[in-house]
Amino acid sequence: MAVEGHYNCGSILVLLSFFPPASVISYCSNCRRAGGALCSVNFLVPISDVKIIDEQGLLKSYEGSNTVSENTIARRFCGKCGSPVMTMLDGERRRLLLKLRYLTRF
């Protein structure tokens, strides 16, 4: 089952070829600050399974290592509306946390 989503301004589209079997809820202070909420609900997926359509080149990135693990993560967000899109977790960029709240078609 294909899954798709867009962000507040509709400029960036995310496509998955499957519905991930599980979600991840993070209560860490970084996720709470980045999303402006009590927690962040995400799908943990291989980057190779995600297609980002960003025709206007609005996807921006912030890298930081102010994490409990001290690992560097890259937060990707829409440069037009500021919506968080995903968080890249590891140095090789093989996995990412895709923000569940923006997926609109399951």
PDB file of N, CA and C in Angstrom:
ATOM      1  N   MET A   1       0.843  -1.184   0.000  1.00  0.00           N
ATOM      2  CA  MET A   1       0.000   0.000   0.000  1.00  0.00           C
ATOM      3  C   MET A   1       0.883   1.240   0.000  1.00  0.00           C
ATOM      4  N   ALA A   2       0.722   2.098  -0.970  1.00  0.00           N
ATOM      5  CA  ALA A   2       1.504   3.326  -1.067  1.00  0.00           C
ATOM      6  C   ALA A   2       1.022   4.343  -0.039  1.00  0.00           C
ATOM      7  N   VAL A   3       1.939   5.143   0.430  1.00  0.00           N
ATOM      8  CA  VAL A   3       1.647   6.180   1.414  1.00  0.00           C
ATOM      9  C   VAL A   3       2.217   7.489   0.876  1.00  0.00           C
ATOM     10  N   GLU A   4       1.464   8.575   1.010  1.00  0.00           N
ATOM     11  CA  GLU A   4       1.988   9.880   0.598  1.00  0.00           C
ATOM     12  C   GLU A   4       1.594  10.940   1.603  1.00  0.00           C
ATOM     13  N   GLY A   5       2.314  12.023   1.567  1.00  0.00           N
ATOM     14  CA  GLY A   5       2.010  13.131   2.460  1.00  0.00           C
ATOM     15  C   GLY A   5       2.597  14.419   1.934  1.00  0.00           C
ATOM     16  N   HIS A   6       2.082  15.512   2.446  1.00  0.00           N
ATOM     17  CA  HIS A   6       2.616  16.826   2.110  1.00  0.00           C
ATOM     18  C   HIS A   6       2.609  17.662   3.372  1.00  0.00           C
ATOM     19  N   TYR A   7       3.246  18.805   3.298  1.00  0.00           N
ATOM     20  CA  TYR A   7       3.416  19.654   4.467  1.00  0.00           C
ATOM     21  C   TYR A   7       2.504  20.865   4.350  1.00  0.00           C
ATOM     22  N   ASN A   8       2.533  21.742   5.301  1.00  0.00           N
ATOM     23  CA  ASN A   8       1.528  22.799   5.402  1.00  0.00           C
ATOM     24  C   ASN A   8       1.331  23.596   4.119  1.00  0.00           C
ATOM     25  N   CYS A   9       2.402  23.962   3.438  1.00  0.00           N
ATOM     26  CA  CYS A   9       2.259  24.775   2.230  1.00  0.00           C
ATOM     27  C   CYS A   9       2.045  23.934   0.975  1.00  0.00           C
ATOM     28  N   GLY A  10       2.218  22.620   1.068  1.00  0.00           N
ATOM     29  CA  GLY A  10       2.013  21.735  -0.077  1.00  0.00           C
ATOM     30  C   GLY A  10       3.160  21.717  -1.065  1.00  0.00           C
ATOM     31  N   SER A  11       4.271  22.366  -0.763  1.00  0.00           N
ATOM     32  CA  SER A  11       5.379  22.464  -1.706  1.00  0.00           C
ATOM     33  C   SER A  11       6.239  21.203  -1.789  1.00  0.00           C
ATOM     34  N   ILE A  12       6.286  20.416  -0.730  1.00  0.00           N
ATOM     35  CA  ILE A  12       7.099  19.204  -0.701  1.00  0.00           C
ATOM     36  C   ILE A  12       6.166  18.006  -0.538  1.00  0.00           C
ATOM     37  N   LEU A  13       6.384  17.002  -1.359  1.00  0.00           N
ATOM     38  CA  LEU A  13       5.583  15.782  -1.322  1.00  0.00           C
ATOM     39  C   LEU A  13       6.491  14.620  -0.946  1.00  0.00           C
ATOM     40  N   VAL A  14       6.012  13.729  -0.079  1.00  0.00           N
ATOM     41  CA  VAL A  14       6.756  12.542   0.331  1.00  0.00           C
ATOM     42  C   VAL A  14       5.972  11.313  -0.088  1.00  0.00           C
ATOM     43  N   LEU A  15       6.665  10.346  -0.699  1.00  0.00           N
ATOM     44  CA  LEU A  15       6.035   9.104  -1.139  1.00  0.00           C
ATOM     45  C   LEU A  15       6.772   7.909  -0.555  1.00  0.00           C
ATOM     46  N   LEU A  16       6.006   6.953  -0.063  1.00  0.00           N
ATOM     47  CA  LEU A  16       6.524   5.654   0.379  1.00  0.00           C
ATOM     48  C   LEU A  16       5.798   4.588  -0.418  1.00  0.00           C
ATOM     49  N   SER A  17       6.499   3.540  -0.780  1.00  0.00           N
ATOM     50  CA  SER A  17       5.865   2.481  -1.566  1.00  0.00           C
ATOM     51  C   SER A  17       5.124   1.487  -0.689  1.00  0.00           C
ATOM     52  N   PHE A  18       5.248   1.606   0.616  1.00  0.00           N
ATOM     53  CA  PHE A  18       4.620   0.681   1.557  1.00  0.00           C
ATOM     54  C   PHE A  18       4.227   1.420   2.824  1.00  0.00           C
ATOM     55  N   PHE A  19       3.338   0.823   3.591  1.00  0.00           N
ATOM     56  CA  PHE A  19       2.975   1.381   4.893  1.00  0.00           C
ATOM     57  C   PHE A  19       3.893   0.744   5.931  1.00  0.00           C
ATOM     58  N   PRO A  20       4.732   1.524   6.619  1.00  0.00           N
ATOM     59  CA  PRO A  20       5.665   0.956   7.594  1.00  0.00           C
ATOM     60  C   PRO A  20       4.923   0.200   8.694  1.00  0.00           C
ATOM     61  N   PRO A  21       5.483  -0.925   9.138  1.00  0.00           N
ATOM     62  CA  PRO A  21       4.796  -1.777  10.109  1.00  0.00           C
ATOM     63  C   PRO A  21       4.742  -1.220  11.528  1.00  0.00           C
ATOM     64  N   ALA A  22       5.588  -0.235  11.844  1.00  0.00           N
ATOM     65  CA  ALA A  22       5.609   0.295  13.208  1.00  0.00           C
ATOM     66  C   ALA A  22       5.992   1.766  13.198  1.00  0.00           C
ATOM     67  N   SER A  23       5.589   2.450  14.244  1.00  0.00           N
ATOM     68  CA  SER A  23       5.965   3.853  14.404  1.00  0.00           C
ATOM     69  C   SER A  23       6.871   3.999  15.619  1.00  0.00           C
ATOM     70  N   VAL A  24       7.537   5.129  15.698  1.00  0.00           N
ATOM     71  CA  VAL A  24       8.449   5.437  16.784  1.00  0.00           C
ATOM     72  C   VAL A  24       7.976   6.741  17.416  1.00  0.00           C
ATOM     73  N   ILE A  25       7.833   6.754  18.726  1.00  0.00           N
ATOM     74  CA  ILE A  25       7.461   7.972  19.437  1.00  0.00           C
ATOM     75  C   ILE A  25       8.669   8.436  20.237  1.00  0.00           C
ATOM     76  N   SER A  26       9.083   9.669  20.014  1.00  0.00           N
ATOM     77  CA  SER A  26      10.229  10.214  20.725  1.00  0.00           C
ATOM     78  C   SER A  26       9.764  11.327  21.660  1.00  0.00           C
ATOM     79  N   TYR A  27      10.223  11.238  22.893  1.00  0.00           N
ATOM     80  CA  TYR A  27       9.942  12.266  23.895  1.00  0.00           C
ATOM     81  C   TYR A  27      11.197  13.066  24.240  1.00  0.00           C
ATOM     82  N   CYS A  28      12.259  12.909  23.431  1.00  0.00           N
ATOM     83  CA  CYS A  28      13.498  13.616  23.755  1.00  0.00           C
ATOM     84  C   CYS A  28      13.293  15.132  23.597  1.00  0.00           C
ATOM     85  N   SER A  29      14.117  15.882  24.285  1.00  0.00           N
ATOM     86  CA  SER A  29      13.946  17.334  24.276  1.00  0.00           C
ATOM     87  C   SER A  29      14.171  17.921  22.882  1.00  0.00           C
ATOM     88  N   ASN A  30      15.068  17.337  22.085  1.00  0.00           N
ATOM     89  CA  ASN A  30      15.290  17.837  20.723  1.00  0.00           C
ATOM     90  C   ASN A  30      14.041  17.689  19.878  1.00  0.00           C
ATOM     91  N   CYS A  31      13.411  16.528  19.926  1.00  0.00           N
ATOM     92  CA  CYS A  31      12.204  16.294  19.126  1.00  0.00           C
ATOM     93  C   CYS A  31      11.052  17.176  19.600  1.00  0.00           C
ATOM     94  N   ARG A  32      10.951  17.364  20.911  1.00  0.00           N
ATOM     95  CA  ARG A  32       9.881  18.218  21.429  1.00  0.00           C
ATOM     96  C   ARG A  32      10.068  19.656  20.963  1.00  0.00           C
ATOM     97  N   ARG A  33      11.289  20.160  21.007  1.00  0.00           N
ATOM     98  CA  ARG A  33      11.548  21.534  20.555  1.00  0.00           C
ATOM     99  C   ARG A  33      11.339  21.673  19.050  1.00  0.00           C
ATOM    100  N   ALA A  34      11.827  20.705  18.282  1.00  0.00           N
ATOM    101  CA  ALA A  34      11.724  20.794  16.815  1.00  0.00           C
ATOM    102  C   ALA A  34      10.275  20.744  16.344  1.00  0.00           C
ATOM    103  N   GLY A  35       9.444  19.975  17.032  1.00  0.00           N
ATOM    104  CA  GLY A  35       8.060  19.833  16.599  1.00  0.00           C
ATOM    105  C   GLY A  35       7.069  20.682  17.364  1.00  0.00           C
ATOM    106  N   GLY A  36       7.518  21.315  18.440  1.00  0.00           N
ATOM    107  CA  GLY A  36       6.615  22.149  19.232  1.00  0.00           C
ATOM    108  C   GLY A  36       5.507  21.361  19.896  1.00  0.00           C
ATOM    109  N   ALA A  37       5.805  20.127  20.311  1.00  0.00           N
ATOM    110  CA  ALA A  37       4.777  19.263  20.901  1.00  0.00           C
ATOM    111  C   ALA A  37       5.395  18.409  22.005  1.00  0.00           C
ATOM    112  N   LEU A  38       4.552  17.673  22.708  1.00  0.00           N
ATOM    113  CA  LEU A  38       4.996  16.791  23.785  1.00  0.00           C
ATOM    114  C   LEU A  38       5.892  15.679  23.263  1.00  0.00           C
ATOM    115  N   CYS A  39       5.654  15.232  22.032  1.00  0.00           N
ATOM    116  CA  CYS A  39       6.446  14.157  21.459  1.00  0.00           C
ATOM    117  C   CYS A  39       6.440  14.276  19.940  1.00  0.00           C
ATOM    118  N   SER A  40       7.224  13.432  19.311  1.00  0.00           N
ATOM    119  CA  SER A  40       7.277  13.367  17.849  1.00  0.00           C
ATOM    120  C   SER A  40       6.945  11.928  17.449  1.00  0.00           C
ATOM    121  N   VAL A  41       5.943  11.754  16.582  1.00  0.00           N
ATOM    122  CA  VAL A  41       5.545  10.433  16.115  1.00  0.00           C
ATOM    123  C   VAL A  41       6.083  10.274  14.692  1.00  0.00           C
ATOM    124  N   ASN A  42       6.829   9.201  14.477  1.00  0.00           N
ATOM    125  CA  ASN A  42       7.567   9.030  13.238  1.00  0.00           C
ATOM    126  C   ASN A  42       7.499   7.591  12.737  1.00  0.00           C
ATOM    127  N   PHE A  43       7.810   7.420  11.472  1.00  0.00           N
ATOM    128  CA  PHE A  43       8.108   6.114  10.906  1.00  0.00           C
ATOM    129  C   PHE A  43       9.620   6.038  10.756  1.00  0.00           C
ATOM    130  N   LEU A  44      10.236   4.942  11.199  1.00  0.00           N
ATOM    131  CA  LEU A  44      11.651   4.695  10.987  1.00  0.00           C
ATOM    132  C   LEU A  44      11.768   3.863   9.717  1.00  0.00           C
ATOM    133  N   VAL A  45      12.318   4.445   8.662  1.00  0.00           N
ATOM    134  CA  VAL A  45      12.364   3.774   7.361  1.00  0.00           C
ATOM    135  C   VAL A  45      13.745   3.923   6.724  1.00  0.00           C
ATOM    136  N   PRO A  46      14.102   2.961   5.877  1.00  0.00           N
ATOM    137  CA  PRO A  46      15.336   3.120   5.102  1.00  0.00           C
ATOM    138  C   PRO A  46      15.180   4.280   4.124  1.00  0.00           C
ATOM    139  N   ILE A  47      16.218   5.063   3.970  1.00  0.00           N
ATOM    140  CA  ILE A  47      16.132   6.228   3.090  1.00  0.00           C
ATOM    141  C   ILE A  47      15.836   5.815   1.653  1.00  0.00           C
ATOM    142  N   SER A  48      16.257   4.618   1.273  1.00  0.00           N
ATOM    143  CA  SER A  48      16.040   4.151  -0.097  1.00  0.00           C
ATOM    144  C   SER A  48      14.559   3.918  -0.406  1.00  0.00           C
ATOM    145  N   ASP A  49      13.711   3.825   0.621  1.00  0.00           N
ATOM    146  CA  ASP A  49      12.278   3.595   0.429  1.00  0.00           C
ATOM    147  C   ASP A  49      11.456   4.883   0.395  1.00  0.00           C
ATOM    148  N   VAL A  50      12.113   6.034   0.504  1.00  0.00           N
ATOM    149  CA  VAL A  50      11.418   7.324   0.559  1.00  0.00           C
ATOM    150  C   VAL A  50      11.735   8.132  -0.697  1.00  0.00           C
ATOM    151  N   LYS A  51      10.708   8.686  -1.299  1.00  0.00           N
ATOM    152  CA  LYS A  51      10.897   9.584  -2.441  1.00  0.00           C
ATOM    153  C   LYS A  51      10.388  10.966  -2.039  1.00  0.00           C
ATOM    154  N   ILE A  52      11.244  11.950  -2.158  1.00  0.00           N
ATOM    155  CA  ILE A  52      10.900  13.335  -1.840  1.00  0.00           C
ATOM    156  C   ILE A  52      10.757  14.099  -3.155  1.00  0.00           C
ATOM    157  N   ILE A  53       9.629  14.748  -3.342  1.00  0.00           N
ATOM    158  CA  ILE A  53       9.427  15.594  -4.515  1.00  0.00           C
ATOM    159  C   ILE A  53       9.440  17.044  -4.027  1.00  0.00           C
ATOM    160  N   ASP A  54      10.478  17.749  -4.423  1.00  0.00           N
ATOM    161  CA  ASP A  54      10.717  19.125  -3.980  1.00  0.00           C
ATOM    162  C   ASP A  54      11.105  19.960  -5.201  1.00  0.00           C
ATOM    163  N   GLU A  55      10.137  20.256  -6.040  1.00  0.00           N
ATOM    164  CA  GLU A  55      10.396  20.923  -7.310  1.00  0.00           C
ATOM    165  C   GLU A  55      10.942  22.342  -7.156  1.00  0.00           C
ATOM    166  N   GLN A  56      10.670  22.981  -6.026  1.00  0.00           N
ATOM    167  CA  GLN A  56      11.125  24.359  -5.821  1.00  0.00           C
ATOM    168  C   GLN A  56      12.424  24.447  -5.026  1.00  0.00           C
ATOM    169  N   GLY A  57      12.971  23.295  -4.620  1.00  0.00           N
ATOM    170  CA  GLY A  57      14.217  23.287  -3.857  1.00  0.00           C
ATOM    171  C   GLY A  57      14.081  23.900  -2.478  1.00  0.00           C
ATOM    172  N   LEU A  58      12.972  23.638  -1.816  1.00  0.00           N
ATOM    173  CA  LEU A  58      12.687  24.254  -0.515  1.00  0.00           C
ATOM    174  C   LEU A  58      13.150  23.434   0.684  1.00  0.00           C
ATOM    175  N   LEU A  59      13.556  22.184   0.479  1.00  0.00           N
ATOM    176  CA  LEU A  59      13.968  21.337   1.592  1.00  0.00           C
ATOM    177  C   LEU A  59      15.284  21.852   2.163  1.00  0.00           C
ATOM    178  N   LYS A  60      15.269  22.259   3.415  1.00  0.00           N
ATOM    179  CA  LYS A  60      16.444  22.807   4.097  1.00  0.00           C
ATOM    180  C   LYS A  60      16.894  21.830   5.169  1.00  0.00           C
ATOM    181  N   SER A  61      18.107  22.022   5.679  1.00  0.00           N
ATOM    182  CA  SER A  61      18.664  21.089   6.648  1.00  0.00           C
ATOM    183  C   SER A  61      19.366  21.827   7.776  1.00  0.00           C
ATOM    184  N   TYR A  62      19.260  21.245   8.962  1.00  0.00           N
ATOM    185  CA  TYR A  62      19.991  21.724  10.133  1.00  0.00           C
ATOM    186  C   TYR A  62      20.663  20.511  10.754  1.00  0.00           C
ATOM    187  N   GLU A  63      21.968  20.556  10.958  1.00  0.00           N
ATOM    188  CA  GLU A  63      22.681  19.454  11.592  1.00  0.00           C
ATOM    189  C   GLU A  63      23.107  19.877  12.980  1.00  0.00           C
ATOM    190  N   GLY A  64      22.933  18.952  13.914  1.00  0.00           N
ATOM    191  CA  GLY A  64      23.320  19.232  15.285  1.00  0.00           C
ATOM    192  C   GLY A  64      23.705  17.962  16.024  1.00  0.00           C
ATOM    193  N   SER A  65      24.534  18.120  17.036  1.00  0.00           N
ATOM    194  CA  SER A  65      24.944  16.974  17.836  1.00  0.00           C
ATOM    195  C   SER A  65      24.569  17.157  19.305  1.00  0.00           C
ATOM    196  N   ASN A  66      23.669  18.089  19.570  1.00  0.00           N
ATOM    197  CA  ASN A  66      23.178  18.293  20.932  1.00  0.00           C
ATOM    198  C   ASN A  66      22.117  17.235  21.232  1.00  0.00           C
ATOM    199  N   THR A  67      22.554  15.961  21.236  1.00  0.00           N
ATOM    200  CA  THR A  67      21.665  14.828  21.466  1.00  0.00           C
ATOM    201  C   THR A  67      22.178  14.029  22.655  1.00  0.00           C
ATOM    202  N   VAL A  68      21.342  13.202  23.221  1.00  0.00           N
ATOM    203  CA  VAL A  68      21.758  12.364  24.351  1.00  0.00           C
ATOM    204  C   VAL A  68      22.928  11.477  23.943  1.00  0.00           C
ATOM    205  N   SER A  69      22.869  10.930  22.730  1.00  0.00           N
ATOM    206  CA  SER A  69      23.925  10.043  22.229  1.00  0.00           C
ATOM    207  C   SER A  69      25.154  10.800  21.736  1.00  0.00           C
ATOM    208  N   GLU A  70      25.040  12.116  21.583  1.00  0.00           N
ATOM    209  CA  GLU A  70      26.069  12.982  21.014  1.00  0.00           C
ATOM    210  C   GLU A  70      26.339  12.671  19.544  1.00  0.00           C
ATOM    211  N   ASN A  71      25.475  11.882  18.901  1.00  0.00           N
ATOM    212  CA  ASN A  71      25.575  11.637  17.470  1.00  0.00           C
ATOM    213  C   ASN A  71      24.990  12.823  16.725  1.00  0.00           C
ATOM    214  N   THR A  72      25.536  13.119  15.563  1.00  0.00           N
ATOM    215  CA  THR A  72      25.023  14.198  14.738  1.00  0.00           C
ATOM    216  C   THR A  72      23.795  13.715  13.978  1.00  0.00           C
ATOM    217  N   ILE A  73      22.750  14.500  14.027  1.00  0.00           N
ATOM    218  CA  ILE A  73      21.542  14.218  13.256  1.00  0.00           C
ATOM    219  C   ILE A  73      21.288  15.394  12.321  1.00  0.00           C
ATOM    220  N   ALA A  74      20.570  15.123  11.242  1.00  0.00           N
ATOM    221  CA  ALA A  74      20.212  16.187  10.305  1.00  0.00           C
ATOM    222  C   ALA A  74      18.702  16.299  10.283  1.00  0.00           C
ATOM    223  N   ARG A  75      18.202  17.431  10.673  1.00  0.00           N
ATOM    224  CA  ARG A  75      16.762  17.690  10.612  1.00  0.00           C
ATOM    225  C   ARG A  75      16.470  18.396   9.301  1.00  0.00           C
ATOM    226  N   ARG A  76      15.527  17.855   8.539  1.00  0.00           N
ATOM    227  CA  ARG A  76      15.140  18.449   7.266  1.00  0.00           C
ATOM    228  C   ARG A  76      13.780  19.085   7.436  1.00  0.00           C
ATOM    229  N   PHE A  77      13.605  20.266   6.885  1.00  0.00           N
ATOM    230  CA  PHE A  77      12.353  21.003   7.044  1.00  0.00           C
ATOM    231  C   PHE A  77      12.064  21.803   5.788  1.00  0.00           C
ATOM    232  N   CYS A  78      10.811  22.201   5.626  1.00  0.00           N
ATOM    233  CA  CYS A  78      10.402  23.009   4.485  1.00  0.00           C
ATOM    234  C   CYS A  78      10.836  24.454   4.722  1.00  0.00           C
ATOM    235  N   GLY A  79      11.578  25.006   3.772  1.00  0.00           N
ATOM    236  CA  GLY A  79      12.051  26.383   3.883  1.00  0.00           C
ATOM    237  C   GLY A  79      10.956  27.419   3.677  1.00  0.00           C
ATOM    238  N   LYS A  80       9.806  27.004   3.179  1.00  0.00           N
ATOM    239  CA  LYS A  80       8.707  27.949   2.953  1.00  0.00           C
ATOM    240  C   LYS A  80       7.802  28.055   4.172  1.00  0.00           C
ATOM    241  N   CYS A  81       7.338  26.914   4.696  1.00  0.00           N
ATOM    242  CA  CYS A  81       6.388  26.958   5.818  1.00  0.00           C
ATOM    243  C   CYS A  81       7.004  26.515   7.147  1.00  0.00           C
ATOM    244  N   GLY A  82       8.221  25.975   7.117  1.00  0.00           N
ATOM    245  CA  GLY A  82       8.902  25.574   8.343  1.00  0.00           C
ATOM    246  C   GLY A  82       8.517  24.209   8.874  1.00  0.00           C
ATOM    247  N   SER A  83       7.660  23.477   8.188  1.00  0.00           N
ATOM    248  CA  SER A  83       7.230  22.163   8.674  1.00  0.00           C
ATOM    249  C   SER A  83       8.397  21.190   8.727  1.00  0.00           C
ATOM    250  N   PRO A  84       8.562  20.470   9.857  1.00  0.00           N
ATOM    251  CA  PRO A  84       9.591  19.434   9.911  1.00  0.00           C
ATOM    252  C   PRO A  84       9.201  18.290   8.980  1.00  0.00           C
ATOM    253  N   VAL A  85      10.141  17.813   8.185  1.00  0.00           N
ATOM    254  CA  VAL A  85       9.882  16.754   7.220  1.00  0.00           C
ATOM    255  C   VAL A  85      10.436  15.428   7.712  1.00  0.00           C
ATOM    256  N   MET A  86      11.706  15.405   8.089  1.00  0.00           N
ATOM    257  CA  MET A  86      12.339  14.164   8.514  1.00  0.00           C
ATOM    258  C   MET A  86      13.578  14.458   9.325  1.00  0.00           C
ATOM    259  N   THR A  87      14.062  13.423   9.987  1.00  0.00           N
ATOM    260  CA  THR A  87      15.314  13.487  10.718  1.00  0.00           C
ATOM    261  C   THR A  87      16.191  12.342  10.225  1.00  0.00           C
ATOM    262  N   MET A  88      17.382  12.685   9.747  1.00  0.00           N
ATOM    263  CA  MET A  88      18.353  11.689   9.304  1.00  0.00           C
ATOM    264  C   MET A  88      19.166  11.284  10.527  1.00  0.00           C
ATOM    265  N   LEU A  89      19.230   9.974  10.794  1.00  0.00           N
ATOM    266  CA  LEU A  89      19.783   9.517  12.059  1.00  0.00           C
ATOM    267  C   LEU A  89      21.257   9.185  12.083  1.00  0.00           C
ATOM    268  N   ASP A  90      21.750   8.486  11.110  1.00  0.00           N
ATOM    269  CA  ASP A  90      23.113   7.985  11.217  1.00  0.00           C
ATOM    270  C   ASP A  90      24.039   8.659  10.218  1.00  0.00           C
ATOM    271  N   GLY A  91      25.328   8.568  10.508  1.00  0.00           N
ATOM    272  CA  GLY A  91      26.317   9.230   9.674  1.00  0.00           C
ATOM    273  C   GLY A  91      26.292   8.796   8.224  1.00  0.00           C
ATOM    274  N   GLU A  92      25.910   7.552   7.964  1.00  0.00           N
ATOM    275  CA  GLU A  92      25.864   7.074   6.582  1.00  0.00           C
ATOM    276  C   GLU A  92      24.543   7.421   5.904  1.00  0.00           C
ATOM    277  N   ARG A  93      23.627   7.989   6.639  1.00  0.00           N
ATOM    278  CA  ARG A  93      22.330   8.430   6.108  1.00  0.00           C
ATOM    279  C   ARG A  93      21.555   7.282   5.463  1.00  0.00           C
ATOM    280  N   ARG A  94      21.521   6.132   6.158  1.00  0.00           N
ATOM    281  CA  ARG A  94      20.782   4.975   5.654  1.00  0.00           C
ATOM    282  C   ARG A  94      19.342   4.940   6.152  1.00  0.00           C
ATOM    283  N   ARG A  95      19.094   5.553   7.315  1.00  0.00           N
ATOM    284  CA  ARG A  95      17.764   5.520   7.916  1.00  0.00           C
ATOM    285  C   ARG A  95      17.305   6.934   8.221  1.00  0.00           C
ATOM    286  N   LEU A  96      15.987   7.082   8.298  1.00  0.00           N
ATOM    287  CA  LEU A  96      15.460   8.378   8.684  1.00  0.00           C
ATOM    288  C   LEU A  96      14.156   8.208   9.446  1.00  0.00           C
ATOM    289  N   LEU A  97      13.837   9.228  10.207  1.00  0.00           N
ATOM    290  CA  LEU A  97      12.550   9.312  10.885  1.00  0.00           C
ATOM    291  C   LEU A  97      11.677  10.234  10.056  1.00  0.00           C
ATOM    292  N   LEU A  98      10.616   9.692   9.528  1.00  0.00           N
ATOM    293  CA  LEU A  98       9.683  10.449   8.702  1.00  0.00           C
ATOM    294  C   LEU A  98       8.515  10.876   9.572  1.00  0.00           C
ATOM    295  N   LYS A  99       8.217  12.156   9.595  1.00  0.00           N
ATOM    296  CA  LYS A  99       7.174  12.687  10.474  1.00  0.00           C
ATOM    297  C   LYS A  99       5.796  12.167  10.069  1.00  0.00           C
ATOM    298  N   LEU A 100       5.193  11.403  10.924  1.00  0.00           N
ATOM    299  CA  LEU A 100       3.923  10.726  10.656  1.00  0.00           C
ATOM    300  C   LEU A 100       2.756  11.687  10.477  1.00  0.00           C
ATOM    301  N   ARG A 101       2.755  12.801  11.174  1.00  0.00           N
ATOM    302  CA  ARG A 101       1.585  13.679  11.175  1.00  0.00           C
ATOM    303  C   ARG A 101       1.268  14.289   9.817  1.00  0.00           C
ATOM    304  N   TYR A 102       2.214  14.267   8.894  1.00  0.00           N
ATOM    305  CA  TYR A 102       1.975  14.879   7.592  1.00  0.00           C
ATOM    306  C   TYR A 102       1.557  13.886   6.516  1.00  0.00           C
ATOM    307  N   LEU A 103       1.549  12.598   6.837  1.00  0.00           N
ATOM    308  CA  LEU A 103       1.138  11.607   5.846  1.00  0.00           C
ATOM    309  C   LEU A 103      -0.380  11.657   5.723  1.00  0.00           C
ATOM    310  N   THR A 104      -0.858  11.837   4.513  1.00  0.00           N
ATOM    311  CA  THR A 104      -2.290  12.125   4.326  1.00  0.00           C
ATOM    312  C   THR A 104      -3.043  11.033   3.590  1.00  0.00           C
ATOM    313  N   ARG A 105      -2.359  10.193   2.869  1.00  0.00           N
ATOM    314  CA  ARG A 105      -3.033   9.168   2.097  1.00  0.00           C
ATOM    315  C   ARG A 105      -2.389   7.822   2.361  1.00  0.00           C
ATOM    316  N   PHE A 106      -3.169   6.912   2.960  1.00  0.00           N
ATOM    317  CA  PHE A 106      -2.658   5.581   3.303  1.00  0.00           C
ATOM    318  C   PHE A 106      -3.277   4.537   2.403  1.00  0.00           C
TER     319      PHE A 106
END
